[in-house]
Every structure is written in structure tokens, then in C-alpha cells.
């Protein structure tokens, strides 16, 4: 995922196929829904997300290293809001998403997103939450780069295929434990893995049980 050839093809894939007009109320409703979902217990002392803009580049840094930057409701809300601000900011020409600490992101933190409920309600909540998460990457109107500073797991890997480029550090690994969890590939990964890798590698990735 961190080869220059992969990044180049990722740029073509997104810019050619995914830059579609997004209704203004769609992004707003996404943020509103997550704000209602986020709980007060999910609020850390430090900001969940740090942002800085320099020379037209806005860096959005997930800042929960003690939680491996996992995507709780509060973290997803903070990332969504940071993306919305970057999109509306004329000084931002490109956005970069990265993390603090040893991990880029441990993926969706089920303990911080799923509460006790009937199976049907849990299913619907996960479906809506996943759609909101991936739409935030698909709908972003400016160039976007994912810069994994360490291990990336689950949705933090698949969402990376939806942006313009991936620039990974030498500490980055990519884990998509769909098979181990007994769930189908998510985040358009069954389509985009095949587009940015060879078919065999994409098949291995979608069925992966270990880091690559």
C-alpha cells in the first residue's frame, strides 16, 4: 500500500471516479448524527484531534495514543469536524490525516461505539456509522493524503484506499482482519484493493488474518 505506484493509481482512481457533487446537508447531517451518538465519557483531557496548517497543507492528527487512536464515536466526530473545517478553509489546499504515538489507528473501537442493544439495533447503528465514516473520505472535495505513522487496522486501512494518496512510514503495517472477525470486507475494499493492487494481493488482503 505504500509504494509510489500504488499512490499514483490511487490518485487516478479517486479523481477520475469519486469527485461527485455532495449535498451540503449530507455532511451536516453526518456530523449531527455523530454528535448525538458521542458520549461524555468519550471526552479525554487532551484534544482528540490536533490540526495545523502550513503552506496550504492542513495536517489532521488523531491524538489518542493511549487508545491507539481508535475510532470511538467521539474520535470520528472530531475527525469529521476537522475535515469539514479544512474543506471550508481557503488556506487549505490539501489535507493530511495521521496519528500520534506508535499506532496510526486501531480501527473502529467497538467498545467506544457499540452499547448494549437488541441485535437489530446494533446492526443498524453499525451500518449507519460505517456509511458516515466512509462517506467522510469519499465526499471530501480537496486532495487528501493518509500518512500512517504506525500500524493501521481495519477501517483505518480500507478508508485509506478512498483518498488521493497513502504515504506510509517504515513503521506502518496494514491489517484487515475480516476473516478473523467473521465479517465481509468493508469500506469499498473489495473493489478498491483490486484496483490499486494485483488481483492476488487484493484477495489475500481481503482474507488477511495477519499484518502485511
C-alpha atoms as a PDB file:
ATOM      1  CA  UNK A   1       0.000   0.000   0.000  1.00  0.00           C
ATOM      2  CA  UNK A   2       2.894   2.389   0.452  1.00  0.00           C
ATOM      3  CA  UNK A   3       4.511   2.066  -2.982  1.00  0.00           C
ATOM      4  CA  UNK A   4       4.726   5.065  -5.300  1.00  0.00           C
ATOM      5  CA  UNK A   5       2.973   3.053  -7.998  1.00  0.00           C
ATOM      6  CA  UNK A   6       0.076   2.382  -5.628  1.00  0.00           C
ATOM      7  CA  UNK A   7      -0.167   6.061  -4.688  1.00  0.00           C
ATOM      8  CA  UNK A   8      -0.227   7.164  -8.315  1.00  0.00           C
ATOM      9  CA  UNK A   9      -3.006   4.746  -9.188  1.00  0.00           C
ATOM     10  CA  UNK A  10      -4.918   5.770  -6.064  1.00  0.00           C
ATOM     11  CA  UNK A  11      -4.876   9.404  -7.236  1.00  0.00           C
ATOM     12  CA  UNK A  12      -6.241   8.471 -10.656  1.00  0.00           C
ATOM     13  CA  UNK A  13      -8.911   6.221  -9.184  1.00  0.00           C
ATOM     14  CA  UNK A  14     -10.326   8.812  -6.846  1.00  0.00           C
ATOM     15  CA  UNK A  15     -10.010  11.920  -9.021  1.00  0.00           C
ATOM     16  CA  UNK A  16     -11.490  10.173 -12.031  1.00  0.00           C
ATOM     17  CA  UNK A  17     -14.344   8.335 -10.371  1.00  0.00           C
ATOM     18  CA  UNK A  18     -15.184   9.748  -6.966  1.00  0.00           C
ATOM     19  CA  UNK A  19     -15.225  13.548  -7.167  1.00  0.00           C
ATOM     20  CA  UNK A  20     -19.002  13.934  -7.299  1.00  0.00           C
ATOM     21  CA  UNK A  21     -21.122  16.838  -6.010  1.00  0.00           C
ATOM     22  CA  UNK A  22     -22.118  16.330  -2.365  1.00  0.00           C
ATOM     23  CA  UNK A  23     -25.337  17.852  -0.985  1.00  0.00           C
ATOM     24  CA  UNK A  24     -24.488  20.383   1.699  1.00  0.00           C
ATOM     25  CA  UNK A  25     -26.935  18.856   4.151  1.00  0.00           C
ATOM     26  CA  UNK A  26     -25.311  15.436   3.840  1.00  0.00           C
ATOM     27  CA  UNK A  27     -22.089  16.404   5.610  1.00  0.00           C
ATOM     28  CA  UNK A  28     -24.047  18.412   8.178  1.00  0.00           C
ATOM     29  CA  UNK A  29     -26.366  15.506   8.969  1.00  0.00           C
ATOM     30  CA  UNK A  30     -23.353  13.203   9.322  1.00  0.00           C
ATOM     31  CA  UNK A  31     -21.794  15.444  11.971  1.00  0.00           C
ATOM     32  CA  UNK A  32     -25.103  15.951  13.771  1.00  0.00           C
ATOM     33  CA  UNK A  33     -25.701  12.206  13.963  1.00  0.00           C
ATOM     34  CA  UNK A  34     -22.251  11.547  15.409  1.00  0.00           C
ATOM     35  CA  UNK A  35     -22.605  14.394  17.915  1.00  0.00           C
ATOM     36  CA  UNK A  36     -25.780  12.782  19.247  1.00  0.00           C
ATOM     37  CA  UNK A  37     -24.017   9.412  19.403  1.00  0.00           C
ATOM     38  CA  UNK A  38     -20.902  10.671  21.215  1.00  0.00           C
ATOM     39  CA  UNK A  39     -20.986  10.280  24.974  1.00  0.00           C
ATOM     40  CA  UNK A  40     -19.448  12.448  27.685  1.00  0.00           C
ATOM     41  CA  UNK A  41     -17.320   9.508  28.839  1.00  0.00           C
ATOM     42  CA  UNK A  42     -15.547   9.620  25.478  1.00  0.00           C
ATOM     43  CA  UNK A  43     -14.086  13.072  26.174  1.00  0.00           C
ATOM     44  CA  UNK A  44     -10.355  12.972  27.058  1.00  0.00           C
ATOM     45  CA  UNK A  45      -8.404  15.752  28.744  1.00  0.00           C
ATOM     46  CA  UNK A  46      -6.348  16.395  25.600  1.00  0.00           C
ATOM     47  CA  UNK A  47      -7.973  17.257  22.248  1.00  0.00           C
ATOM     48  CA  UNK A  48      -8.875  14.135  20.294  1.00  0.00           C
ATOM     49  CA  UNK A  49      -7.644  15.746  17.095  1.00  0.00           C
ATOM     50  CA  UNK A  50      -4.882  18.275  16.518  1.00  0.00           C
ATOM     51  CA  UNK A  51      -4.845  20.453  13.406  1.00  0.00           C
ATOM     52  CA  UNK A  52      -2.157  22.659  11.910  1.00  0.00           C
ATOM     53  CA  UNK A  53      -1.934  24.444   8.563  1.00  0.00           C
ATOM     54  CA  UNK A  54       1.352  25.345   6.887  1.00  0.00           C
ATOM     55  CA  UNK A  55       1.941  26.323   3.260  1.00  0.00           C
ATOM     56  CA  UNK A  56      -1.506  25.183   2.206  1.00  0.00           C
ATOM     57  CA  UNK A  57      -1.260  21.779   3.922  1.00  0.00           C
ATOM     58  CA  UNK A  58      -3.579  21.084   6.840  1.00  0.00           C
ATOM     59  CA  UNK A  59      -2.405  18.184   8.974  1.00  0.00           C
ATOM     60  CA  UNK A  60      -5.122  16.465  10.999  1.00  0.00           C
ATOM     61  CA  UNK A  61      -3.555  14.339  13.736  1.00  0.00           C
ATOM     62  CA  UNK A  62      -5.553  11.797  15.711  1.00  0.00           C
ATOM     63  CA  UNK A  63      -4.466  12.301  19.313  1.00  0.00           C
ATOM     64  CA  UNK A  64      -5.473   9.331  21.476  1.00  0.00           C
ATOM     65  CA  UNK A  65      -2.249   7.340  21.634  1.00  0.00           C
ATOM     66  CA  UNK A  66      -3.379   5.684  24.876  1.00  0.00           C
ATOM     67  CA  UNK A  67      -6.306   4.213  22.891  1.00  0.00           C
ATOM     68  CA  UNK A  68      -4.172   3.558  19.789  1.00  0.00           C
ATOM     69  CA  UNK A  69      -6.145   6.357  18.090  1.00  0.00           C
ATOM     70  CA  UNK A  70      -9.118   4.016  17.789  1.00  0.00           C
ATOM     71  CA  UNK A  71     -12.256   5.411  16.201  1.00  0.00           C
ATOM     72  CA  UNK A  72     -14.765   5.876  19.003  1.00  0.00           C
ATOM     73  CA  UNK A  73     -17.857   7.975  18.408  1.00  0.00           C
ATOM     74  CA  UNK A  74     -16.045  10.995  19.790  1.00  0.00           C
ATOM     75  CA  UNK A  75     -12.950  10.437  17.649  1.00  0.00           C
ATOM     76  CA  UNK A  76     -15.000  10.023  14.481  1.00  0.00           C
ATOM     77  CA  UNK A  77     -16.909  13.207  15.270  1.00  0.00           C
ATOM     78  CA  UNK A  78     -13.656  15.101  15.844  1.00  0.00           C
ATOM     79  CA  UNK A  79     -12.172  13.835  12.565  1.00  0.00           C
ATOM     80  CA  UNK A  80     -15.371  14.695  10.658  1.00  0.00           C
ATOM     81  CA  UNK A  81     -15.418  18.217  12.046  1.00  0.00           C
ATOM     82  CA  UNK A  82     -11.726  18.719  11.262  1.00  0.00           C
ATOM     83  CA  UNK A  83     -12.317  17.595   7.678  1.00  0.00           C
ATOM     84  CA  UNK A  84     -15.276  19.935   7.309  1.00  0.00           C
ATOM     85  CA  UNK A  85     -13.216  22.879   8.561  1.00  0.00           C
ATOM     86  CA  UNK A  86     -10.347  22.011   6.236  1.00  0.00           C
ATOM     87  CA  UNK A  87     -12.716  21.734   3.309  1.00  0.00           C
ATOM     88  CA  UNK A  88     -14.194  25.174   4.046  1.00  0.00           C
ATOM     89  CA  UNK A  89     -10.828  26.826   4.720  1.00  0.00           C
ATOM     90  CA  UNK A  90      -9.451  28.654   1.669  1.00  0.00           C
ATOM     91  CA  UNK A  91      -5.949  28.375   3.145  1.00  0.00           C
ATOM     92  CA  UNK A  92      -6.161  24.566   2.952  1.00  0.00           C
ATOM     93  CA  UNK A  93      -5.166  23.159  -0.413  1.00  0.00           C
ATOM     94  CA  UNK A  94      -4.589  19.586   0.749  1.00  0.00           C
ATOM     95  CA  UNK A  95      -5.376  17.650   3.943  1.00  0.00           C
ATOM     96  CA  UNK A  96      -3.174  15.028   5.586  1.00  0.00           C
ATOM     97  CA  UNK A  97      -4.511  12.550   8.165  1.00  0.00           C
ATOM     98  CA  UNK A  98      -2.036  10.929  10.570  1.00  0.00           C
ATOM     99  CA  UNK A  99      -1.761   9.866  14.219  1.00  0.00           C
ATOM    100  CA  UNK A 100       0.266  10.378  17.366  1.00  0.00           C
ATOM    101  CA  UNK A 101       2.100   7.624  19.222  1.00  0.00           C
ATOM    102  CA  UNK A 102       3.069   4.187  17.969  1.00  0.00           C
ATOM    103  CA  UNK A 103      -0.168   3.490  16.071  1.00  0.00           C
ATOM    104  CA  UNK A 104      -1.780   5.297  13.175  1.00  0.00           C
ATOM    105  CA  UNK A 105      -5.194   3.923  14.108  1.00  0.00           C
ATOM    106  CA  UNK A 106      -6.508   0.676  15.579  1.00  0.00           C
ATOM    107  CA  UNK A 107      -9.700   0.974  13.529  1.00  0.00           C
ATOM    108  CA  UNK A 108     -13.209   1.269  14.906  1.00  0.00           C
ATOM    109  CA  UNK A 109     -13.214   0.917  18.694  1.00  0.00           C
ATOM    110  CA  UNK A 110     -16.269  -1.268  19.184  1.00  0.00           C
ATOM    111  CA  UNK A 111     -16.143  -0.713  22.944  1.00  0.00           C
ATOM    112  CA  UNK A 112     -16.404   3.014  22.322  1.00  0.00           C
ATOM    113  CA  UNK A 113     -19.116   2.817  19.671  1.00  0.00           C
ATOM    114  CA  UNK A 114     -21.422  -0.114  20.427  1.00  0.00           C
ATOM    115  CA  UNK A 115     -23.571  -0.185  23.554  1.00  0.00           C
ATOM    116  CA  UNK A 116     -25.977  -2.798  24.835  1.00  0.00           C
ATOM    117  CA  UNK A 117     -28.936  -3.108  22.494  1.00  0.00           C
ATOM    118  CA  UNK A 118     -31.007  -5.587  20.542  1.00  0.00           C
ATOM    119  CA  UNK A 119     -29.118  -7.207  17.612  1.00  0.00           C
ATOM    120  CA  UNK A 120     -31.243  -5.413  15.019  1.00  0.00           C
ATOM    121  CA  UNK A 121     -30.494  -2.036  16.616  1.00  0.00           C
ATOM    122  CA  UNK A 122     -26.770  -2.800  16.842  1.00  0.00           C
ATOM    123  CA  UNK A 123     -26.713  -3.812  13.179  1.00  0.00           C
ATOM    124  CA  UNK A 124     -28.446  -0.608  12.098  1.00  0.00           C
ATOM    125  CA  UNK A 125     -26.148   1.533  14.224  1.00  0.00           C
ATOM    126  CA  UNK A 126     -23.031  -0.114  12.772  1.00  0.00           C
ATOM    127  CA  UNK A 127     -24.366   0.225   9.234  1.00  0.00           C
ATOM    128  CA  UNK A 128     -25.069   3.940   9.629  1.00  0.00           C
ATOM    129  CA  UNK A 129     -21.820   4.595  11.469  1.00  0.00           C
ATOM    130  CA  UNK A 130     -19.776   2.841   8.781  1.00  0.00           C
ATOM    131  CA  UNK A 131     -21.523   4.728   5.997  1.00  0.00           C
ATOM    132  CA  UNK A 132     -20.913   8.061   7.740  1.00  0.00           C
ATOM    133  CA  UNK A 133     -17.266   7.149   8.257  1.00  0.00           C
ATOM    134  CA  UNK A 134     -16.502   6.182   4.675  1.00  0.00           C
ATOM    135  CA  UNK A 135     -18.635   8.969   3.189  1.00  0.00           C
ATOM    136  CA  UNK A 136     -16.441  11.463   5.052  1.00  0.00           C
ATOM    137  CA  UNK A 137     -13.471  10.270   2.969  1.00  0.00           C
ATOM    138  CA  UNK A 138     -15.384   9.835  -0.289  1.00  0.00           C
ATOM    139  CA  UNK A 139     -17.062  13.236  -0.106  1.00  0.00           C
ATOM    140  CA  UNK A 140     -14.013  15.340   0.796  1.00  0.00           C
ATOM    141  CA  UNK A 141     -13.667  17.852  -2.045  1.00  0.00           C
ATOM    142  CA  UNK A 142      -9.954  18.628  -1.746  1.00  0.00           C
ATOM    143  CA  UNK A 143      -6.914  16.390  -2.224  1.00  0.00           C
ATOM    144  CA  UNK A 144      -6.406  14.186   0.809  1.00  0.00           C
ATOM    145  CA  UNK A 145      -3.439  12.104   1.924  1.00  0.00           C
ATOM    146  CA  UNK A 146      -3.364   9.409   4.588  1.00  0.00           C
ATOM    147  CA  UNK A 147       0.023   9.203   6.336  1.00  0.00           C
ATOM    148  CA  UNK A 148       0.164   6.129   8.601  1.00  0.00           C
ATOM    149  CA  UNK A 149       2.860   6.671  11.235  1.00  0.00           C
ATOM    150  CA  UNK A 150       2.487   3.111  12.557  1.00  0.00           C
ATOM    151  CA  UNK A 151       0.149   0.114  12.418  1.00  0.00           C
ATOM    152  CA  UNK A 152      -3.232   0.621  10.759  1.00  0.00           C
ATOM    153  CA  UNK A 153      -6.067  -1.827  11.382  1.00  0.00           C
ATOM    154  CA  UNK A 154      -9.468  -2.447   9.833  1.00  0.00           C
ATOM    155  CA  UNK A 155     -11.383   0.631   8.737  1.00  0.00           C
ATOM    156  CA  UNK A 156      -8.307   2.821   9.012  1.00  0.00           C
ATOM    157  CA  UNK A 157      -6.790   0.698   6.222  1.00  0.00           C
ATOM    158  CA  UNK A 158      -9.836   0.478   3.981  1.00  0.00           C
ATOM    159  CA  UNK A 159     -10.607   4.202   4.315  1.00  0.00           C
ATOM    160  CA  UNK A 160      -7.070   4.909   3.101  1.00  0.00           C
ATOM    161  CA  UNK A 161      -7.942   3.454  -0.300  1.00  0.00           C
ATOM    162  CA  UNK A 162     -10.599   6.158  -0.714  1.00  0.00           C
ATOM    163  CA  UNK A 163      -8.212   9.130  -0.611  1.00  0.00           C
ATOM    164  CA  UNK A 164      -5.741  10.515  -3.136  1.00  0.00           C
ATOM    165  CA  UNK A 165      -2.523   9.030  -1.764  1.00  0.00           C
ATOM    166  CA  UNK A 166      -1.034   6.943   1.020  1.00  0.00           C
ATOM    167  CA  UNK A 167       2.412   7.872   2.320  1.00  0.00           C
ATOM    168  CA  UNK A 168       3.447   5.372   4.982  1.00  0.00           C
ATOM    169  CA  UNK A 169       6.335   5.449   7.430  1.00  0.00           C
ATOM    170  CA  UNK A 170       8.674   2.480   7.733  1.00  0.00           C
ATOM    171  CA  UNK A 171       6.846   1.556  10.955  1.00  0.00           C
ATOM    172  CA  UNK A 172       3.465   1.206   9.250  1.00  0.00           C
ATOM    173  CA  UNK A 173       1.743  -2.143   8.850  1.00  0.00           C
ATOM    174  CA  UNK A 174      -1.716  -2.813   7.434  1.00  0.00           C
ATOM    175  CA  UNK A 175      -4.108  -5.319   8.954  1.00  0.00           C
ATOM    176  CA  UNK A 176      -7.575  -6.150   7.625  1.00  0.00           C
ATOM    177  CA  UNK A 177      -8.861  -8.896   9.940  1.00  0.00           C
ATOM    178  CA  UNK A 178     -12.157  -9.506   8.138  1.00  0.00           C
ATOM    179  CA  UNK A 179     -11.769 -13.270   8.099  1.00  0.00           C
ATOM    180  CA  UNK A 180     -10.742 -13.478  11.749  1.00  0.00           C
ATOM    181  CA  UNK A 181     -13.751 -11.404  12.802  1.00  0.00           C
ATOM    182  CA  UNK A 182     -16.159 -13.232  10.529  1.00  0.00           C
ATOM    183  CA  UNK A 183     -17.270 -10.107   8.667  1.00  0.00           C
ATOM    184  CA  UNK A 184     -17.228  -9.219   4.950  1.00  0.00           C
ATOM    185  CA  UNK A 185     -14.727  -6.654   3.596  1.00  0.00           C
ATOM    186  CA  UNK A 186     -15.983  -3.108   4.204  1.00  0.00           C
ATOM    187  CA  UNK A 187     -15.284   0.413   3.003  1.00  0.00           C
ATOM    188  CA  UNK A 188     -15.355  -0.491  -0.708  1.00  0.00           C
ATOM    189  CA  UNK A 189     -12.216  -2.557  -0.096  1.00  0.00           C
ATOM    190  CA  UNK A 190     -13.395  -5.498  -2.187  1.00  0.00           C
ATOM    191  CA  UNK A 191     -13.415  -3.067  -5.139  1.00  0.00           C
ATOM    192  CA  UNK A 192     -10.531  -0.705  -4.408  1.00  0.00           C
ATOM    193  CA  UNK A 193      -7.991  -3.274  -3.237  1.00  0.00           C
ATOM    194  CA  UNK A 194      -8.327  -4.895  -6.639  1.00  0.00           C
ATOM    195  CA  UNK A 195      -7.815  -1.536  -8.376  1.00  0.00           C
ATOM    196  CA  UNK A 196      -4.663  -0.492  -6.534  1.00  0.00           C
ATOM    197  CA  UNK A 197      -3.048  -3.950  -6.201  1.00  0.00           C
ATOM    198  CA  UNK A 198      -2.857  -7.029  -8.351  1.00  0.00           C
ATOM    199  CA  UNK A 199      -5.812  -9.389  -8.018  1.00  0.00           C
ATOM    200  CA  UNK A 200      -3.903 -11.983  -5.979  1.00  0.00           C
ATOM    201  CA  UNK A 201      -2.678  -9.434  -3.427  1.00  0.00           C
ATOM    202  CA  UNK A 202      -6.172  -7.974  -3.141  1.00  0.00           C
ATOM    203  CA  UNK A 203      -7.602 -11.418  -2.451  1.00  0.00           C
ATOM    204  CA  UNK A 204      -5.004 -12.050   0.243  1.00  0.00           C
ATOM    205  CA  UNK A 205      -5.709  -8.659   1.787  1.00  0.00           C
ATOM    206  CA  UNK A 206      -9.474  -9.203   1.894  1.00  0.00           C
ATOM    207  CA  UNK A 207      -8.946 -12.584   3.570  1.00  0.00           C
ATOM    208  CA  UNK A 208      -5.990 -11.499   5.707  1.00  0.00           C
ATOM    209  CA  UNK A 209      -5.598 -12.887   9.201  1.00  0.00           C
ATOM    210  CA  UNK A 210      -2.275 -11.174   9.924  1.00  0.00           C
ATOM    211  CA  UNK A 211      -0.421  -7.926   9.342  1.00  0.00           C
ATOM    212  CA  UNK A 212       1.160  -7.232   5.962  1.00  0.00           C
END
